Amino acid sequence: MTERKTLNLRDTSDAEAPDLPKKGRGWKISEKRLDALHDQAREMRRFASPAHKALAERFAKADLGRYTFKRFAVVGSAIVDFNCHNLGMAIMIDEEDQDEALAKRRDKSLESVGIRVMRIKAKDILENMDAVLQRITAGMRIRIDDKRQARRAHHEQRRS
């Protein structure tokens, strides 16, 4: 009879596990800052602008399947107006009195972690909701296709 081969694994009982970032539920921000962001988002939901309310109402009525948008979501150290976690897509509503430099910096930080940001003017939401919804739908389709292509590339890379 032949000798049975076994898999030789090294002993890892004395090895130390790598340190994982424990701050901010996966993000590198403090729990105190994260709690403050959630409080601020809650306050923003209470006193939302008419454009936010109108778009939220349309999202609530729409059947988007597994792609749902959450209002005033905390993503990292930013609060986005609407966030679809499954797509990695955020919608920001541009109000007239908004700080553009801050908005661009926030968009850049979100896109650096793979979240696509779509900016929509509040005036457009209030005046032409159908065109805004078509634009959002087109953005969702592009994002779904991007995710599908990335998944295909990942599977092909694993096979090689």
C-alpha atoms as a PDB file:
ATOM      1  CA  MET A   1       0.000   0.000   0.000  1.00  0.00           C
ATOM      2  CA  THR A   2       1.228   3.529  -0.768  1.00  0.00           C
ATOM      3  CA  GLU A   3       1.881   6.077   1.892  1.00  0.00           C
ATOM      4  CA  ARG A   4      -0.883   8.643   2.287  1.00  0.00           C
ATOM      5  CA  LYS A   5       0.067  12.242   1.539  1.00  0.00           C
ATOM      6  CA  THR A   6      -1.028  14.934   3.966  1.00  0.00           C
ATOM      7  CA  LEU A   7      -1.092  18.656   3.730  1.00  0.00           C
ATOM      8  CA  ASN A   8       1.556  20.242   5.909  1.00  0.00           C
ATOM      9  CA  LEU A   9       0.407  23.507   7.431  1.00  0.00           C
ATOM     10  CA  ARG A  10       2.541  25.688   9.602  1.00  0.00           C
ATOM     11  CA  ASP A  11       1.476  26.224  13.190  1.00  0.00           C
ATOM     12  CA  THR A  12      -0.230  29.620  13.527  1.00  0.00           C
ATOM     13  CA  SER A  13      -1.219  29.364  17.160  1.00  0.00           C
ATOM     14  CA  ASP A  14       1.507  31.796  18.229  1.00  0.00           C
ATOM     15  CA  ALA A  15       1.141  34.178  15.260  1.00  0.00           C
ATOM     16  CA  GLU A  16      -0.502  37.528  15.850  1.00  0.00           C
ATOM     17  CA  ALA A  17      -3.496  38.606  13.825  1.00  0.00           C
ATOM     18  CA  PRO A  18      -3.063  41.827  11.839  1.00  0.00           C
ATOM     19  CA  ASP A  19      -4.574  44.935  13.377  1.00  0.00           C
ATOM     20  CA  LEU A  20      -7.860  45.858  11.764  1.00  0.00           C
ATOM     21  CA  PRO A  21      -9.083  49.439  11.790  1.00  0.00           C
ATOM     22  CA  LYS A  22     -11.718  49.437  14.503  1.00  0.00           C
ATOM     23  CA  LYS A  23     -12.615  53.073  14.187  1.00  0.00           C
ATOM     24  CA  GLY A  24     -15.807  54.222  12.503  1.00  0.00           C
ATOM     25  CA  ARG A  25     -17.296  50.834  11.635  1.00  0.00           C
ATOM     26  CA  GLY A  26     -14.631  50.154   9.004  1.00  0.00           C
ATOM     27  CA  TRP A  27     -13.796  53.753   8.140  1.00  0.00           C
ATOM     28  CA  LYS A  28     -10.855  55.454   9.791  1.00  0.00           C
ATOM     29  CA  ILE A  29     -12.890  57.990  11.759  1.00  0.00           C
ATOM     30  CA  SER A  30     -13.633  58.066  15.457  1.00  0.00           C
ATOM     31  CA  GLU A  31     -16.865  56.749  16.940  1.00  0.00           C
ATOM     32  CA  LYS A  32     -17.549  60.221  18.350  1.00  0.00           C
ATOM     33  CA  ARG A  33     -17.285  61.820  14.885  1.00  0.00           C
ATOM     34  CA  LEU A  34     -19.430  59.052  13.379  1.00  0.00           C
ATOM     35  CA  ASP A  35     -22.122  59.558  16.027  1.00  0.00           C
ATOM     36  CA  ALA A  36     -22.082  63.302  15.324  1.00  0.00           C
ATOM     37  CA  LEU A  37     -22.522  62.608  11.595  1.00  0.00           C
ATOM     38  CA  HIS A  38     -25.509  60.330  12.270  1.00  0.00           C
ATOM     39  CA  ASP A  39     -27.074  63.002  14.493  1.00  0.00           C
ATOM     40  CA  GLN A  40     -26.532  65.600  11.773  1.00  0.00           C
ATOM     41  CA  ALA A  41     -28.071  63.290   9.135  1.00  0.00           C
ATOM     42  CA  ARG A  42     -31.090  62.701  11.373  1.00  0.00           C
ATOM     43  CA  GLU A  43     -31.516  66.459  11.733  1.00  0.00           C
ATOM     44  CA  MET A  44     -31.217  66.910   7.960  1.00  0.00           C
ATOM     45  CA  ARG A  45     -33.967  64.310   7.419  1.00  0.00           C
ATOM     46  CA  ARG A  46     -36.253  66.222   9.786  1.00  0.00           C
ATOM     47  CA  PHE A  47     -35.748  69.544   8.026  1.00  0.00           C
ATOM     48  CA  ALA A  48     -35.313  68.472   4.398  1.00  0.00           C
ATOM     49  CA  SER A  49     -35.660  70.918   1.517  1.00  0.00           C
ATOM     50  CA  PRO A  50     -38.620  70.692  -0.880  1.00  0.00           C
ATOM     51  CA  ALA A  51     -36.360  69.161  -3.553  1.00  0.00           C
ATOM     52  CA  HIS A  52     -35.233  66.421  -1.154  1.00  0.00           C
ATOM     53  CA  LYS A  53     -38.792  65.689  -0.127  1.00  0.00           C
ATOM     54  CA  ALA A  54     -40.003  65.522  -3.732  1.00  0.00           C
ATOM     55  CA  LEU A  55     -37.236  63.152  -4.844  1.00  0.00           C
ATOM     56  CA  ALA A  56     -37.604  60.977  -1.731  1.00  0.00           C
ATOM     57  CA  GLU A  57     -41.330  60.682  -2.397  1.00  0.00           C
ATOM     58  CA  ARG A  58     -40.662  59.516  -5.970  1.00  0.00           C
ATOM     59  CA  PHE A  59     -38.073  56.985  -4.778  1.00  0.00           C
ATOM     60  CA  ALA A  60     -40.548  55.662  -2.197  1.00  0.00           C
ATOM     61  CA  LYS A  61     -43.187  55.095  -4.893  1.00  0.00           C
ATOM     62  CA  ALA A  62     -40.778  53.615  -7.461  1.00  0.00           C
ATOM     63  CA  ASP A  63     -40.138  49.890  -7.689  1.00  0.00           C
ATOM     64  CA  LEU A  64     -36.362  49.758  -8.056  1.00  0.00           C
ATOM     65  CA  GLY A  65     -36.027  46.124  -7.030  1.00  0.00           C
ATOM     66  CA  ARG A  66     -32.957  45.556  -4.911  1.00  0.00           C
ATOM     67  CA  TYR A  67     -31.619  49.035  -5.656  1.00  0.00           C
ATOM     68  CA  THR A  68     -33.011  51.321  -2.995  1.00  0.00           C
ATOM     69  CA  PHE A  69     -31.894  54.824  -2.111  1.00  0.00           C
ATOM     70  CA  LYS A  70     -31.496  55.847   1.507  1.00  0.00           C
ATOM     71  CA  ARG A  71     -31.992  59.525   2.381  1.00  0.00           C
ATOM     72  CA  PHE A  72     -29.190  61.481   4.047  1.00  0.00           C
ATOM     73  CA  ALA A  73     -26.929  58.475   4.455  1.00  0.00           C
ATOM     74  CA  VAL A  74     -23.590  58.616   6.233  1.00  0.00           C
ATOM     75  CA  VAL A  75     -20.883  57.271   3.934  1.00  0.00           C
ATOM     76  CA  GLY A  76     -17.459  57.440   5.517  1.00  0.00           C
ATOM     77  CA  SER A  77     -17.029  60.961   6.810  1.00  0.00           C
ATOM     78  CA  ALA A  78     -19.623  62.465   4.451  1.00  0.00           C
ATOM     79  CA  ILE A  79     -23.391  62.752   4.445  1.00  0.00           C
ATOM     80  CA  VAL A  80     -24.862  62.149   0.999  1.00  0.00           C
ATOM     81  CA  ASP A  81     -28.388  63.190   0.047  1.00  0.00           C
ATOM     82  CA  PHE A  82     -29.304  59.752  -1.377  1.00  0.00           C
ATOM     83  CA  ASN A  83     -27.197  56.595  -1.333  1.00  0.00           C
ATOM     84  CA  CYS A  84     -27.659  53.253  -3.076  1.00  0.00           C
ATOM     85  CA  HIS A  85     -25.306  50.885  -1.283  1.00  0.00           C
ATOM     86  CA  ASN A  86     -25.790  48.007  -3.770  1.00  0.00           C
ATOM     87  CA  LEU A  87     -24.705  50.193  -6.682  1.00  0.00           C
ATOM     88  CA  GLY A  88     -22.076  52.235  -4.899  1.00  0.00           C
ATOM     89  CA  MET A  89     -23.867  55.339  -6.141  1.00  0.00           C
ATOM     90  CA  ALA A  90     -24.670  58.592  -4.376  1.00  0.00           C
ATOM     91  CA  ILE A  91     -26.947  61.416  -5.468  1.00  0.00           C
ATOM     92  CA  MET A  92     -26.168  64.921  -4.278  1.00  0.00           C
ATOM     93  CA  ILE A  93     -28.675  67.741  -4.658  1.00  0.00           C
ATOM     94  CA  ASP A  94     -27.109  71.116  -5.365  1.00  0.00           C
ATOM     95  CA  GLU A  95     -28.862  73.866  -3.458  1.00  0.00           C
ATOM     96  CA  GLU A  96     -28.248  77.487  -4.460  1.00  0.00           C
ATOM     97  CA  ASP A  97     -26.430  78.477  -1.234  1.00  0.00           C
ATOM     98  CA  GLN A  98     -24.041  75.495  -1.251  1.00  0.00           C
ATOM     99  CA  ASP A  99     -20.238  75.656  -0.866  1.00  0.00           C
ATOM    100  CA  GLU A 100     -18.870  74.336  -4.192  1.00  0.00           C
ATOM    101  CA  ALA A 101     -15.297  73.735  -2.953  1.00  0.00           C
ATOM    102  CA  LEU A 102     -16.538  71.540  -0.111  1.00  0.00           C
ATOM    103  CA  ALA A 103     -18.844  69.654  -2.482  1.00  0.00           C
ATOM    104  CA  LYS A 104     -16.013  68.919  -4.946  1.00  0.00           C
ATOM    105  CA  ARG A 105     -13.707  67.745  -2.158  1.00  0.00           C
ATOM    106  CA  ARG A 106     -16.429  65.436  -0.798  1.00  0.00           C
ATOM    107  CA  ASP A 107     -17.140  64.044  -4.288  1.00  0.00           C
ATOM    108  CA  LYS A 108     -13.440  63.348  -4.825  1.00  0.00           C
ATOM    109  CA  SER A 109     -13.131  61.493  -1.507  1.00  0.00           C
ATOM    110  CA  LEU A 110     -16.234  59.398  -2.251  1.00  0.00           C
ATOM    111  CA  GLU A 111     -15.030  58.500  -5.740  1.00  0.00           C
ATOM    112  CA  SER A 112     -11.647  57.476  -4.324  1.00  0.00           C
ATOM    113  CA  VAL A 113     -13.400  54.643  -2.433  1.00  0.00           C
ATOM    114  CA  GLY A 114     -15.473  53.573  -5.451  1.00  0.00           C
ATOM    115  CA  ILE A 115     -18.709  55.507  -4.959  1.00  0.00           C
ATOM    116  CA  ARG A 116     -19.996  57.229  -8.077  1.00  0.00           C
ATOM    117  CA  VAL A 117     -21.505  60.648  -7.332  1.00  0.00           C
ATOM    118  CA  MET A 118     -24.317  62.182  -9.410  1.00  0.00           C
ATOM    119  CA  ARG A 119     -25.050  65.868  -8.876  1.00  0.00           C
ATOM    120  CA  ILE A 120     -28.523  67.269  -9.578  1.00  0.00           C
ATOM    121  CA  LYS A 121     -29.729  70.844  -9.189  1.00  0.00           C
ATOM    122  CA  ALA A 122     -32.620  71.360  -6.775  1.00  0.00           C
ATOM    123  CA  LYS A 123     -34.302  73.629  -9.322  1.00  0.00           C
ATOM    124  CA  ASP A 124     -34.320  70.801 -11.902  1.00  0.00           C
ATOM    125  CA  ILE A 125     -35.986  68.419  -9.431  1.00  0.00           C
ATOM    126  CA  LEU A 126     -38.760  70.867  -8.664  1.00  0.00           C
ATOM    127  CA  GLU A 127     -39.337  71.965 -12.270  1.00  0.00           C
ATOM    128  CA  ASN A 128     -38.728  68.833 -14.352  1.00  0.00           C
ATOM    129  CA  MET A 129     -38.891  65.675 -12.242  1.00  0.00           C
ATOM    130  CA  ASP A 130     -39.353  63.314 -15.207  1.00  0.00           C
ATOM    131  CA  ALA A 131     -36.084  64.407 -16.849  1.00  0.00           C
ATOM    132  CA  VAL A 132     -34.272  64.044 -13.517  1.00  0.00           C
ATOM    133  CA  LEU A 133     -35.646  60.517 -13.056  1.00  0.00           C
ATOM    134  CA  GLN A 134     -34.549  59.581 -16.581  1.00  0.00           C
ATOM    135  CA  ARG A 135     -31.059  60.867 -15.812  1.00  0.00           C
ATOM    136  CA  ILE A 136     -30.940  58.894 -12.544  1.00  0.00           C
ATOM    137  CA  THR A 137     -32.160  55.750 -14.313  1.00  0.00           C
ATOM    138  CA  ALA A 138     -29.488  56.148 -16.994  1.00  0.00           C
ATOM    139  CA  GLY A 139     -26.845  56.595 -14.285  1.00  0.00           C
ATOM    140  CA  MET A 140     -28.077  53.476 -12.519  1.00  0.00           C
ATOM    141  CA  ARG A 141     -27.880  51.452 -15.738  1.00  0.00           C
ATOM    142  CA  ILE A 142     -24.317  52.618 -16.350  1.00  0.00           C
ATOM    143  CA  ARG A 143     -23.361  51.736 -12.779  1.00  0.00           C
ATOM    144  CA  ILE A 144     -24.999  48.290 -13.032  1.00  0.00           C
ATOM    145  CA  ASP A 145     -23.052  47.656 -16.238  1.00  0.00           C
ATOM    146  CA  ASP A 146     -19.793  48.840 -14.605  1.00  0.00           C
ATOM    147  CA  LYS A 147     -20.355  46.447 -11.704  1.00  0.00           C
ATOM    148  CA  ARG A 148     -21.153  43.587 -14.100  1.00  0.00           C
ATOM    149  CA  GLN A 149     -17.967  44.188 -16.121  1.00  0.00           C
ATOM    150  CA  ALA A 150     -15.860  44.385 -12.954  1.00  0.00           C
ATOM    151  CA  ARG A 151     -17.355  41.116 -11.728  1.00  0.00           C
ATOM    152  CA  ARG A 152     -16.612  39.451 -15.105  1.00  0.00           C
ATOM    153  CA  ALA A 153     -13.028  40.720 -15.075  1.00  0.00           C
ATOM    154  CA  HIS A 154     -12.592  39.445 -11.523  1.00  0.00           C
ATOM    155  CA  HIS A 155     -13.883  35.974 -12.435  1.00  0.00           C
ATOM    156  CA  GLU A 156     -11.676  35.799 -15.524  1.00  0.00           C
ATOM    157  CA  GLN A 157      -8.655  36.834 -13.469  1.00  0.00           C
ATOM    158  CA  ARG A 158      -9.380  34.100 -10.913  1.00  0.00           C
ATOM    159  CA  ARG A 159      -9.570  31.480 -13.670  1.00  0.00           C
ATOM    160  CA  SER A 160      -6.177  32.465 -15.101  1.00  0.00           C
END
